[in-house]
């Protein structure tokens, strides 16, 4: 089984449409998934949304530097 780790806005829209219409089957970029329950759909939506939100800042990496101190 292949697990998709890269999500796009269209994937979020697809799962939100499924939730709104009560459908349990969602077609993503390259595959189709049938969820067992609305709870599973909501969890998947939250995961996709969190992934997209994490990328929203442009993938910035922040470094902290400490100098001296003892």
C-alpha atoms as a PDB file:
ATOM      1  CA  UNK A   1       0.000   0.000   0.000  1.00  0.00           C
ATOM      2  CA  UNK A   2       1.313   3.426  -0.950  1.00  0.00           C
ATOM      3  CA  UNK A   3       0.848   6.276   1.490  1.00  0.00           C
ATOM      4  CA  UNK A   4       0.575   9.759   0.035  1.00  0.00           C
ATOM      5  CA  UNK A   5       2.534  12.342   1.947  1.00  0.00           C
ATOM      6  CA  UNK A   6       2.199  15.321  -0.387  1.00  0.00           C
ATOM      7  CA  UNK A   7      -1.182  16.992  -0.373  1.00  0.00           C
ATOM      8  CA  UNK A   8      -2.499  19.782  -2.564  1.00  0.00           C
ATOM      9  CA  UNK A   9      -5.411  22.168  -2.113  1.00  0.00           C
ATOM     10  CA  UNK A  10      -7.517  20.074  -4.517  1.00  0.00           C
ATOM     11  CA  UNK A  11      -7.229  17.105  -2.136  1.00  0.00           C
ATOM     12  CA  UNK A  12      -8.599  19.195   0.715  1.00  0.00           C
ATOM     13  CA  UNK A  13     -11.438  20.410  -1.497  1.00  0.00           C
ATOM     14  CA  UNK A  14     -12.259  16.828  -2.519  1.00  0.00           C
ATOM     15  CA  UNK A  15     -12.490  15.562   1.037  1.00  0.00           C
ATOM     16  CA  UNK A  16     -14.492  18.600   2.167  1.00  0.00           C
ATOM     17  CA  UNK A  17     -16.950  17.962  -0.678  1.00  0.00           C
ATOM     18  CA  UNK A  18     -17.279  14.341   0.406  1.00  0.00           C
ATOM     19  CA  UNK A  19     -17.957  15.413   3.987  1.00  0.00           C
ATOM     20  CA  UNK A  20     -20.566  17.953   2.879  1.00  0.00           C
ATOM     21  CA  UNK A  21     -22.406  15.420   0.722  1.00  0.00           C
ATOM     22  CA  UNK A  22     -22.059  12.423   3.028  1.00  0.00           C
ATOM     23  CA  UNK A  23     -19.969  10.436   0.542  1.00  0.00           C
ATOM     24  CA  UNK A  24     -17.419   7.996   1.930  1.00  0.00           C
ATOM     25  CA  UNK A  25     -15.400   7.583  -1.274  1.00  0.00           C
ATOM     26  CA  UNK A  26     -12.908  10.292  -2.250  1.00  0.00           C
ATOM     27  CA  UNK A  27     -10.784  10.546  -5.386  1.00  0.00           C
ATOM     28  CA  UNK A  28      -7.426  12.174  -4.806  1.00  0.00           C
ATOM     29  CA  UNK A  29      -4.665  12.954  -7.337  1.00  0.00           C
ATOM     30  CA  UNK A  30      -3.704   9.386  -8.173  1.00  0.00           C
ATOM     31  CA  UNK A  31      -6.022   7.134  -6.226  1.00  0.00           C
ATOM     32  CA  UNK A  32      -9.429   6.676  -4.664  1.00  0.00           C
ATOM     33  CA  UNK A  33     -10.093   5.965  -0.992  1.00  0.00           C
ATOM     34  CA  UNK A  34     -13.247   4.687   0.658  1.00  0.00           C
ATOM     35  CA  UNK A  35     -13.453   5.715   4.298  1.00  0.00           C
ATOM     36  CA  UNK A  36     -15.284   3.563   6.829  1.00  0.00           C
ATOM     37  CA  UNK A  37     -16.945   6.398   8.722  1.00  0.00           C
ATOM     38  CA  UNK A  38     -17.490  10.133   8.863  1.00  0.00           C
ATOM     39  CA  UNK A  39     -15.052  10.184  11.773  1.00  0.00           C
ATOM     40  CA  UNK A  40     -12.337   8.766   9.502  1.00  0.00           C
ATOM     41  CA  UNK A  41     -13.132  11.410   6.878  1.00  0.00           C
ATOM     42  CA  UNK A  42     -12.868  14.181   9.459  1.00  0.00           C
ATOM     43  CA  UNK A  43      -9.519  12.846  10.710  1.00  0.00           C
ATOM     44  CA  UNK A  44      -8.186  12.659   7.156  1.00  0.00           C
ATOM     45  CA  UNK A  45      -9.395  16.202   6.453  1.00  0.00           C
ATOM     46  CA  UNK A  46      -7.646  17.479   9.571  1.00  0.00           C
ATOM     47  CA  UNK A  47      -4.421  15.713   8.571  1.00  0.00           C
ATOM     48  CA  UNK A  48      -4.525  17.178   5.054  1.00  0.00           C
ATOM     49  CA  UNK A  49      -5.339  20.653   6.374  1.00  0.00           C
ATOM     50  CA  UNK A  50      -2.482  20.510   8.898  1.00  0.00           C
ATOM     51  CA  UNK A  51      -0.080  19.410   6.178  1.00  0.00           C
ATOM     52  CA  UNK A  52      -1.120  22.274   3.907  1.00  0.00           C
ATOM     53  CA  UNK A  53      -0.981  24.787   6.768  1.00  0.00           C
ATOM     54  CA  UNK A  54       2.554  23.660   7.617  1.00  0.00           C
ATOM     55  CA  UNK A  55       3.604  24.488   4.058  1.00  0.00           C
ATOM     56  CA  UNK A  56       1.762  27.826   4.011  1.00  0.00           C
ATOM     57  CA  UNK A  57       4.705  29.706   5.506  1.00  0.00           C
ATOM     58  CA  UNK A  58       6.769  28.830   2.447  1.00  0.00           C
ATOM     59  CA  UNK A  59       8.628  26.046   4.181  1.00  0.00           C
ATOM     60  CA  UNK A  60      10.733  28.482   6.164  1.00  0.00           C
ATOM     61  CA  UNK A  61      13.250  27.018   8.555  1.00  0.00           C
ATOM     62  CA  UNK A  62      14.200  28.988  11.628  1.00  0.00           C
ATOM     63  CA  UNK A  63      17.566  28.662  13.329  1.00  0.00           C
ATOM     64  CA  UNK A  64      18.488  29.831  16.789  1.00  0.00           C
ATOM     65  CA  UNK A  65      22.057  30.642  17.713  1.00  0.00           C
ATOM     66  CA  UNK A  66      23.405  30.926  21.236  1.00  0.00           C
ATOM     67  CA  UNK A  67      26.686  32.661  21.950  1.00  0.00           C
ATOM     68  CA  UNK A  68      28.765  32.384  25.110  1.00  0.00           C
ATOM     69  CA  UNK A  69      26.889  32.388  28.341  1.00  0.00           C
ATOM     70  CA  UNK A  70      28.784  30.670  31.150  1.00  0.00           C
END
